[in-house]
Structure formats: structure tokens, C-alpha cells
Amino acid sequence: MRYTLGCSLSYNILSDTTFIFNVEVARLRSLQIISETLTLNPNLKRDIYVTPDLLNRYLGVNVPVGQFSLEYNSEVELTVHRADPATINETPIAQLPLDILPFLLPSRFVSSDRLTPFALAEFGALPKGHQRVNAICNWIHDHLTYQPGTSDGETTADESLLKRAGVCRDFAHIGTAFCRALGIPARFVSCYAHGLVPSDFHAVFEAYLDGRWWLFDATRQADLDGLVRIGVGRDAAEIAFSTPWGNMQPVNQQIRIVRSDGQGSPPQRTVDAISTEEPAPHAGAM
């Protein structure tokens, strides 16, 4: 499926500020970039870094006092891998590649160690596999209220669970934490999300099952087969769309994604298991 997407960000810079942005789509085999532009105003020197394993694309820029904006536009062709969820099993820890270890451990916002007793009591007896992770998503969706303003950039998974409320970031952190607590590698994903209303940067998570990363969205607010990946990491701290050092004020933020053929979301969202990675821990990169 072909999508036209992008974002417009603007800021009032009150003191010299260094930004690190992560808004460009990942260069994956499953994600062909047809066209792409990124414009800075003013047109300042930019530093670019792509992580060699996860293919996250970071842009650094030093911005002087004044007005500053970033405009990103891209057209991409997304190819997803589909499977019957009932056929996807969990991978025993003894068979996991060692470079997947970080996605089994607690991290800054994914307090899987604190949530292990709860996860084992709630999900430990369920049949293992894709369907158990989907059951985790169902539980989060049914027991937490999607409510902006109930969390901030410092909120951890266990805090969101206690509040029983949050936004996509919190839903993804809790899902990731429950999976890790059960011995299922999981990682945080930022993306452009077709079907999300209103359009915004979206957060979901991936679980490593049967030798492949599979997408999960506990909010149930976007098309699972319409998620265009920006970045992946242990949690939100590693792939924030904007990380500033300095005194600045956000002025405007617009995120967009539409199908290039002009069609909207299908009447029924897919129930297939969806992956946009090739098999193996970090495969799928060019």
C-alpha cells in the first residue's frame, strides 16, 4: 500500500537550543521510499546519524534564538507480512539470538521487573504465542482509559497501570513490560499511523515470536497494517520525535498520513498477524 505522509513542527527558540529529531521513516526492505524531503527554516547545518542495527534515523541541529520550523514529507510503499495468529508460537529463551537481550530487560520506562508478579498472575496460564500477546492488548484496552493529560514524559509503565489511564505511549509501554515479564522480547515502536483520528505520532510495540517481530497496538485506534515505522527502541526515551536541549516553546505540530489512492480505512480492520520485518532480530534493513 502506498502512503503520503509527513509532519510540520514549529518552535519559538528563546535560547540557543540543540534538537535531535526522529521523524523520518525507517529505511526497511518492506518500506520503499518513493520520494522524501526534509526542510529546515532557517536552513541550518544538520547532522545525520542512522543506527546500524535498528535503522533509526536521527537528525541533529543547533538552532539560534528566533523562529524555527521543520517540514518533512514522504511518499512510501509499505509491504506487510501477514499470517494466521494461531500459527505463531513463542520462541523459548534458550533459542533467542543474544543480540535480542536488551528487549527482555527492564528499561527506563518499561518496568517489567516490577510488573512480573502481575503479568504472571494475569497472563501466565494463557496459551503461549501471538494469541497471548493479543490477549495482553485486549486486557490493556479493556482496563485502561485512553485519556490525554493523565501522563507525561516521565510516566513509567507501572505508574500508568496504577492510574489505569494513559495515551498510546503508555499503552505501548505496558504491553512491552508485560511481554518482557513473561519472557517475550518486546520493543517500543514510533510510527505514522493510518486510520488514527486525529492524526498524530503514534506508539505501538513489537513482540519477537517465532523468529520475527510482530506488531501490536493496544489502543486499537489505527490500522495495524497501515503503520509506517519511524523508530524502534527499548522505550520512548530512545525514539522521541523531538529531544531539545535549551529554552524553547513548541508553537505548532501537524502530523499527516493518507493513502495515495485517496481511499480511507477499510470497514473492518485486519485480524491478521502483521509484521514489517524480515525474519531475524534486526533483519529488514537495506
Protein backbone atom coordinates (compact mmCIF):
# COMPACT_ATOMS: atom_id res chain seq x y z
CA MET A 1 0.00 0.00 0.00
CA ARG A 2 1.28 3.48 -0.90
CA TYR A 3 1.02 6.33 1.61
CA THR A 4 1.72 10.07 1.55
CA LEU A 5 2.83 11.26 4.97
CA GLY A 6 4.82 13.81 6.90
CA CYS A 7 4.90 16.34 9.69
CA SER A 8 5.20 20.09 10.26
CA LEU A 9 6.83 21.26 13.51
CA SER A 10 7.49 24.84 14.60
CA TYR A 11 9.12 26.34 17.67
CA ASN A 12 9.86 29.68 19.33
CA ILE A 13 13.53 29.46 20.33
CA LEU A 14 14.24 31.51 23.48
CA SER A 15 17.90 30.49 23.87
CA ASP A 16 20.35 28.57 21.69
CA THR A 17 18.84 25.08 21.50
CA THR A 18 20.11 21.75 20.22
CA PHE A 19 17.45 19.43 18.80
CA ILE A 20 17.61 15.76 17.96
CA PHE A 21 14.70 14.77 15.73
CA ASN A 22 13.46 11.29 14.80
CA VAL A 23 10.67 11.88 12.28
CA GLU A 24 11.92 10.26 9.05
CA VAL A 25 10.59 6.83 8.10
CA ALA A 26 12.92 3.89 8.60
CA ARG A 27 14.70 2.51 5.54
CA LEU A 28 13.45 -1.09 5.60
CA ARG A 29 13.13 -3.66 2.85
CA SER A 30 9.40 -3.60 3.48
CA LEU A 31 9.24 0.19 3.19
CA GLN A 32 10.20 1.65 -0.17
CA ILE A 33 10.68 5.41 -0.06
CA ILE A 34 9.33 6.80 -3.35
CA SER A 35 10.11 10.43 -2.54
CA GLU A 36 11.26 12.36 0.50
CA THR A 37 12.09 15.94 1.52
CA LEU A 38 13.06 17.49 4.86
CA THR A 39 13.23 21.29 5.04
CA LEU A 40 14.55 23.40 7.93
CA ASN A 41 13.69 27.09 8.25
CA PRO A 42 16.15 28.69 8.67
CA ASN A 43 18.25 26.25 6.65
CA LEU A 44 20.79 25.35 9.32
CA LYS A 45 23.62 22.83 9.28
CA ARG A 46 22.31 19.36 10.08
CA ASP A 47 24.00 16.26 11.45
CA ILE A 48 22.63 12.86 10.46
CA TYR A 49 23.05 9.50 12.17
CA VAL A 50 21.44 6.15 11.35
CA THR A 51 21.75 3.40 13.95
CA PRO A 52 23.43 0.42 12.26
CA ASP A 53 21.21 -2.26 13.83
CA LEU A 54 17.73 -0.75 14.16
CA LEU A 55 17.98 1.77 11.30
CA ASN A 56 16.58 4.68 13.32
CA ARG A 57 17.29 7.95 11.51
CA TYR A 58 18.32 10.85 13.76
CA LEU A 59 18.80 14.47 12.72
CA GLY A 60 20.66 16.93 14.93
CA VAL A 61 20.55 20.70 14.53
CA ASN A 62 21.76 23.67 16.60
CA VAL A 63 19.17 26.46 16.49
CA PRO A 64 19.78 30.12 17.46
CA VAL A 65 17.20 32.39 19.11
CA GLY A 66 14.19 33.11 16.91
CA GLN A 67 11.59 31.15 14.98
CA PHE A 68 12.38 27.64 13.73
CA SER A 69 10.41 25.06 11.76
CA LEU A 70 10.85 21.60 10.27
CA GLU A 71 8.82 20.24 7.35
CA TYR A 72 9.03 16.55 6.41
CA ASN A 73 7.18 14.94 3.50
CA SER A 74 7.44 11.46 2.05
CA GLU A 75 5.64 9.01 -0.19
CA VAL A 76 6.25 5.37 0.67
CA GLU A 77 5.21 1.90 -0.47
CA LEU A 78 4.57 -0.35 2.54
CA THR A 79 4.61 -4.14 2.16
CA VAL A 80 3.41 -6.11 5.18
CA HIS A 81 3.78 -9.78 6.01
CA ARG A 82 0.53 -11.42 7.11
CA ALA A 83 -0.05 -14.66 8.98
CA ASP A 84 -2.70 -16.52 10.95
CA PRO A 85 -2.15 -15.57 14.62
CA ALA A 86 -2.92 -19.15 15.70
CA THR A 87 0.17 -20.41 13.83
CA ILE A 88 2.68 -18.12 15.60
CA ASN A 89 4.38 -19.50 18.70
CA GLU A 90 6.68 -18.00 21.30
CA THR A 91 10.43 -18.52 20.96
CA PRO A 92 11.99 -20.22 24.02
CA ILE A 93 14.59 -18.03 25.71
CA ALA A 94 17.22 -20.73 25.12
CA GLN A 95 16.73 -20.26 21.37
CA LEU A 96 16.78 -16.44 21.29
CA PRO A 97 19.65 -14.67 19.50
CA LEU A 98 21.86 -12.94 22.05
CA ASP A 99 21.54 -9.52 20.42
CA ILE A 100 17.87 -9.54 21.33
CA LEU A 101 18.73 -9.50 25.07
CA PRO A 102 18.07 -5.74 25.61
CA PHE A 103 14.43 -6.30 24.70
CA LEU A 104 13.99 -8.81 27.54
CA LEU A 105 15.30 -6.48 30.25
CA PRO A 106 13.70 -3.60 32.15
CA SER A 107 14.41 -0.10 30.85
CA ARG A 108 13.76 3.49 31.92
CA PHE A 109 10.02 3.48 31.23
CA VAL A 110 9.38 -0.27 30.89
CA SER A 111 9.39 -1.52 34.48
CA SER A 112 8.92 -5.19 33.58
CA ASP A 113 10.68 -6.34 36.78
CA ARG A 114 8.08 -4.59 38.93
CA LEU A 115 5.20 -5.95 36.85
CA THR A 116 6.34 -9.61 36.70
CA PRO A 117 4.09 -10.92 39.52
CA PHE A 118 1.06 -9.19 38.00
CA ALA A 119 1.84 -10.38 34.46
CA LEU A 120 2.36 -13.97 35.58
CA ALA A 121 -0.88 -13.98 37.57
CA GLU A 122 -2.93 -12.42 34.77
CA PHE A 123 -1.38 -13.96 31.63
CA GLY A 124 0.97 -16.73 32.75
CA ALA A 125 -1.53 -19.55 32.27
CA LEU A 126 -2.71 -18.45 28.81
CA PRO A 127 -1.66 -20.48 25.75
CA LYS A 128 1.69 -19.20 24.54
CA GLY A 129 2.13 -17.41 21.24
CA HIS A 130 0.74 -14.49 19.28
CA GLN A 131 -2.67 -15.01 20.83
CA ARG A 132 -1.28 -14.48 24.35
CA VAL A 133 0.24 -11.12 23.32
CA ASN A 134 -3.05 -10.20 21.68
CA ALA A 135 -4.79 -11.08 24.96
CA ILE A 136 -2.42 -8.65 26.70
CA CYS A 137 -3.51 -5.94 24.25
CA ASN A 138 -7.17 -6.77 24.86
CA TRP A 139 -6.64 -6.52 28.62
CA ILE A 140 -4.93 -3.12 28.32
CA HIS A 141 -7.65 -1.83 26.01
CA ASP A 142 -10.42 -3.04 28.35
CA HIS A 143 -8.87 -1.95 31.66
CA LEU A 144 -7.20 1.38 30.82
CA THR A 145 -8.87 4.59 29.71
CA TYR A 146 -7.29 6.37 26.76
CA GLN A 147 -7.13 9.85 28.23
CA PRO A 148 -4.71 12.62 27.19
CA GLY A 149 -3.29 14.58 30.09
CA THR A 150 -3.09 11.63 32.51
CA SER A 151 0.62 11.07 31.88
CA ASP A 152 3.73 12.95 30.82
CA GLY A 153 7.22 12.26 29.51
CA GLU A 154 8.32 10.83 32.86
CA THR A 155 5.49 8.33 33.39
CA THR A 156 6.55 4.67 33.64
CA ALA A 157 4.58 1.55 32.77
CA ASP A 158 3.82 0.66 36.40
CA GLU A 159 2.61 4.21 37.09
CA SER A 160 0.27 4.06 34.10
CA LEU A 161 -1.04 0.72 35.29
CA LEU A 162 -1.82 2.17 38.73
CA LYS A 163 -3.62 5.14 37.14
CA ARG A 164 -5.48 2.83 34.72
CA ALA A 165 -5.22 5.62 32.15
CA GLY A 166 -2.82 6.99 29.58
CA VAL A 167 -2.16 7.58 25.89
CA CYS A 168 -0.56 5.46 23.16
CA ARG A 169 2.91 5.84 24.70
CA ASP A 170 1.65 4.40 27.99
CA PHE A 171 -0.35 1.60 26.37
CA ALA A 172 2.75 0.57 24.42
CA HIS A 173 4.99 0.72 27.49
CA ILE A 174 2.61 -1.50 29.48
CA GLY A 175 2.30 -4.03 26.64
CA THR A 176 6.08 -4.11 26.27
CA ALA A 177 6.51 -4.54 30.04
CA PHE A 178 4.02 -7.41 30.30
CA CYS A 179 5.71 -9.22 27.41
CA ARG A 180 9.20 -8.87 28.88
CA ALA A 181 7.88 -10.00 32.27
CA LEU A 182 6.68 -13.20 30.56
CA GLY A 183 10.00 -13.82 28.80
CA ILE A 184 8.81 -12.46 25.44
CA PRO A 185 11.20 -9.92 23.84
CA ALA A 186 9.36 -6.69 23.10
CA ARG A 187 10.29 -3.23 21.88
CA PHE A 188 8.70 0.20 21.57
CA VAL A 189 7.78 1.48 18.08
CA SER A 190 7.04 5.01 16.87
CA CYS A 191 5.18 5.40 13.60
CA TYR A 192 2.91 7.28 11.26
CA ALA A 193 -0.44 5.55 11.71
CA HIS A 194 -3.08 5.36 9.01
CA GLY A 195 -6.59 5.40 10.46
CA LEU A 196 -5.61 7.28 13.63
CA VAL A 197 -8.02 10.18 14.28
CA PRO A 198 -6.86 12.84 14.85
CA SER A 199 -3.56 12.11 13.12
CA ASP A 200 -0.54 12.19 15.41
CA PHE A 201 2.73 10.44 16.02
CA HIS A 202 1.66 7.02 17.27
CA ALA A 203 3.26 4.50 19.61
CA VAL A 204 2.79 0.72 19.40
CA PHE A 205 5.03 -2.23 20.25
CA GLU A 206 6.53 -5.31 18.63
CA ALA A 207 6.95 -8.75 20.18
CA TYR A 208 9.51 -11.27 18.97
CA LEU A 209 7.69 -14.53 18.21
CA ASP A 210 8.75 -17.48 16.06
CA GLY A 211 11.88 -15.66 14.90
CA ARG A 212 10.15 -12.50 13.73
CA TRP A 213 8.99 -9.13 15.10
CA TRP A 214 5.18 -8.75 15.10
CA LEU A 215 3.25 -5.50 15.55
CA PHE A 216 0.68 -4.91 18.32
CA ASP A 217 -1.44 -1.85 19.12
CA ALA A 218 -3.24 -1.95 22.46
CA THR A 219 -5.09 1.30 21.72
CA ARG A 220 -6.95 -0.31 18.77
CA GLN A 221 -7.11 3.18 17.22
CA ALA A 222 -5.16 2.70 13.97
CA ASP A 223 -4.88 0.23 11.08
CA LEU A 224 -2.32 -2.38 12.15
CA ASP A 225 -1.38 -2.94 8.50
CA GLY A 226 -1.07 0.84 7.99
CA LEU A 227 1.70 1.57 10.49
CA VAL A 228 4.72 3.18 8.82
CA ARG A 229 7.69 2.81 11.11
CA ILE A 230 9.83 5.72 12.23
CA GLY A 231 11.89 4.14 15.01
CA VAL A 232 12.23 1.27 17.45
CA GLY A 233 13.89 1.15 20.86
CA ARG A 234 13.75 -0.19 24.37
CA ASP A 235 11.23 2.52 25.27
CA ALA A 236 10.10 6.01 24.29
CA ALA A 237 13.27 7.69 25.54
CA GLU A 238 15.27 6.32 22.61
CA ILE A 239 12.98 7.40 19.79
CA ALA A 240 11.25 10.62 20.83
CA PHE A 241 10.28 12.61 17.73
CA SER A 242 11.93 15.70 19.24
CA THR A 243 14.53 15.94 22.01
CA PRO A 244 15.57 19.55 22.75
CA TRP A 245 18.36 20.92 24.93
CA GLY A 246 17.65 24.60 25.57
CA ASN A 247 14.86 27.05 26.27
CA MET A 248 12.17 26.82 23.59
CA GLN A 249 8.40 26.75 23.17
CA PRO A 250 6.55 24.44 20.75
CA VAL A 251 4.24 26.52 18.54
CA ASN A 252 2.61 24.11 16.12
CA GLN A 253 2.63 20.39 15.38
CA GLN A 254 0.85 18.72 12.45
CA ILE A 255 1.19 15.05 11.51
CA ARG A 256 -0.41 13.53 8.42
CA ILE A 257 -0.74 10.22 6.60
CA VAL A 258 -3.17 9.32 3.84
CA ARG A 259 -3.38 6.56 1.27
CA SER A 260 -2.02 7.82 -2.02
CA ASP A 261 -5.07 6.41 -3.83
CA GLY A 262 -7.33 8.62 -1.71
CA GLN A 263 -9.11 5.73 -0.01
CA GLY A 264 -9.77 5.70 3.73
CA SER A 265 -9.57 2.86 6.22
CA PRO A 266 -11.37 -0.40 5.38
CA PRO A 267 -14.74 -1.02 7.09
CA GLN A 268 -13.18 -3.80 9.17
CA ARG A 269 -9.63 -3.65 10.46
CA THR A 270 -7.45 -6.68 9.87
CA VAL A 271 -7.32 -9.55 12.35
CA ASP A 272 -4.18 -10.97 10.70
CA ALA A 273 -0.85 -11.03 12.46
CA ILE A 274 1.20 -8.22 10.88
CA SER A 275 4.97 -7.86 10.54
CA THR A 276 7.07 -5.36 8.60
CA GLU A 277 10.42 -7.00 9.41
CA GLU A 278 12.21 -9.86 7.71
CA PRO A 279 12.92 -12.88 9.96
CA ALA A 280 15.80 -12.48 12.47
CA PRO A 281 16.31 -9.92 15.24
CA HIS A 282 17.43 -6.91 13.23
CA ALA A 283 16.71 -8.00 9.66
CA GLY A 284 14.65 -5.92 7.30
CA ALA A 285 17.28 -3.25 6.82
CA MET A 286 18.78 -2.49 3.46
